[in-house]
Each structure stands twice: as C-alpha cells, then as structure tokens.
Amino acid sequence: MITTDEKVYRYFIQPQLDKINNTLVGYELLMKYYTPEGWRPPVHSLIFLQKFLRTHLLQP
C-alpha cells in the first residue's frame, strides 16, 4: 500500500496513433507520482520542461 508520506514515481507508456491511417507512429513516456487524488505529473518536471523549451527550442 502507498502512504502519503512516500513519493512513489511510475512511468506510463502512451502510444501515439495516426488516426487517418490507423497506425502506430511512436510512443510517449510519461513520469507521474502518486497522490491521494491519483497519479499526477511531478511539478518539477513541468518547470524543467518550460526552461528546456525556452533555452533549446527558441534559439536561432
């Protein structure tokens, strides 16, 4: 059983589908942690993603 004092992380693999051709085009790996409300994405990963997008994708 998972208690609220523990930070338990889990990876979820989500397929990426092309609905037009009904084919699998890739996968997405999602990291989430357990809360009393269910599995949620870690807040620090969202902050990291914002910084990454600003520094790596917006360069000329």
C-alpha atoms as a PDB file:
ATOM      1  CA  MET A   1       0.000   0.000   0.000  1.00  0.00           C
ATOM      2  CA  ILE A   2       1.213   3.509  -0.790  1.00  0.00           C
ATOM      3  CA  THR A   3       1.226   6.046   2.031  1.00  0.00           C
ATOM      4  CA  THR A   4       1.019   9.806   1.528  1.00  0.00           C
ATOM      5  CA  ASP A   5       4.464  10.283   3.127  1.00  0.00           C
ATOM      6  CA  GLU A   6       6.194   8.431   0.300  1.00  0.00           C
ATOM      7  CA  LYS A   7       6.976   9.847  -3.132  1.00  0.00           C
ATOM      8  CA  VAL A   8       6.300   6.959  -5.471  1.00  0.00           C
ATOM      9  CA  TYR A   9       7.076   7.546  -9.139  1.00  0.00           C
ATOM     10  CA  ARG A  10       5.844   5.450 -12.028  1.00  0.00           C
ATOM     11  CA  TYR A  11       6.332   5.519 -15.777  1.00  0.00           C
ATOM     12  CA  PHE A  12       3.411   5.266 -18.154  1.00  0.00           C
ATOM     13  CA  ILE A  13       3.868   4.440 -21.833  1.00  0.00           C
ATOM     14  CA  GLN A  14       1.320   6.059 -24.096  1.00  0.00           C
ATOM     15  CA  PRO A  15       1.058   5.115 -27.779  1.00  0.00           C
ATOM     16  CA  GLN A  16       0.911   7.856 -30.410  1.00  0.00           C
ATOM     17  CA  LEU A  17      -1.538   6.945 -33.154  1.00  0.00           C
ATOM     18  CA  ASP A  18      -2.182   8.274 -36.638  1.00  0.00           C
ATOM     19  CA  LYS A  19      -5.968   8.269 -36.771  1.00  0.00           C
ATOM     20  CA  ILE A  20      -6.101   8.843 -40.518  1.00  0.00           C
ATOM     21  CA  ASN A  21      -4.050   5.747 -41.394  1.00  0.00           C
ATOM     22  CA  ASN A  22      -4.901   3.861 -38.192  1.00  0.00           C
ATOM     23  CA  THR A  23      -1.215   3.193 -37.497  1.00  0.00           C
ATOM     24  CA  LEU A  24       1.135   3.456 -34.563  1.00  0.00           C
ATOM     25  CA  VAL A  25       3.685   6.252 -35.122  1.00  0.00           C
ATOM     26  CA  GLY A  26       5.517   6.280 -31.777  1.00  0.00           C
ATOM     27  CA  TYR A  27       5.365   6.275 -28.016  1.00  0.00           C
ATOM     28  CA  GLU A  28       5.391   8.847 -25.273  1.00  0.00           C
ATOM     29  CA  LEU A  29       6.903   8.085 -21.860  1.00  0.00           C
ATOM     30  CA  LEU A  30       5.133   9.871 -19.016  1.00  0.00           C
ATOM     31  CA  MET A  31       6.509  10.074 -15.477  1.00  0.00           C
ATOM     32  CA  LYS A  32       3.948  10.520 -12.704  1.00  0.00           C
ATOM     33  CA  TYR A  33       3.907  10.316  -8.921  1.00  0.00           C
ATOM     34  CA  TYR A  34       1.197   9.048  -6.643  1.00  0.00           C
ATOM     35  CA  THR A  35      -1.011  11.430  -4.664  1.00  0.00           C
ATOM     36  CA  PRO A  36      -4.187  10.724  -2.663  1.00  0.00           C
ATOM     37  CA  GLU A  37      -6.080  12.071  -5.699  1.00  0.00           C
ATOM     38  CA  GLY A  38      -4.336   9.658  -8.089  1.00  0.00           C
ATOM     39  CA  TRP A  39      -1.308   9.724 -10.404  1.00  0.00           C
ATOM     40  CA  ARG A  40      -0.080  13.249 -11.234  1.00  0.00           C
ATOM     41  CA  PRO A  41       2.855  14.639 -13.239  1.00  0.00           C
ATOM     42  CA  PRO A  42       5.634  15.977 -10.997  1.00  0.00           C
ATOM     43  CA  VAL A  43       5.616  19.764 -10.719  1.00  0.00           C
ATOM     44  CA  HIS A  44       9.415  19.939 -11.051  1.00  0.00           C
ATOM     45  CA  SER A  45       9.202  18.197 -14.436  1.00  0.00           C
ATOM     46  CA  LEU A  46       6.856  20.913 -15.701  1.00  0.00           C
ATOM     47  CA  ILE A  47       9.287  23.613 -14.571  1.00  0.00           C
ATOM     48  CA  PHE A  48      12.156  21.760 -16.256  1.00  0.00           C
ATOM     49  CA  LEU A  49      10.147  21.480 -19.465  1.00  0.00           C
ATOM     50  CA  GLN A  50       9.422  25.204 -19.525  1.00  0.00           C
ATOM     51  CA  LYS A  51      13.127  26.026 -19.066  1.00  0.00           C
ATOM     52  CA  PHE A  52      14.131  23.491 -21.703  1.00  0.00           C
ATOM     53  CA  LEU A  53      11.703  24.889 -24.263  1.00  0.00           C
ATOM     54  CA  ARG A  54      12.918  28.444 -23.673  1.00  0.00           C
ATOM     55  CA  THR A  55      16.629  27.614 -23.888  1.00  0.00           C
ATOM     56  CA  HIS A  56      16.720  24.904 -26.573  1.00  0.00           C
ATOM     57  CA  LEU A  57      13.813  25.414 -28.927  1.00  0.00           C
ATOM     58  CA  LEU A  58      13.826  29.191 -29.214  1.00  0.00           C
ATOM     59  CA  GLN A  59      17.459  29.540 -30.305  1.00  0.00           C
ATOM     60  CA  PRO A  60      18.025  30.888 -33.848  1.00  0.00           C
END
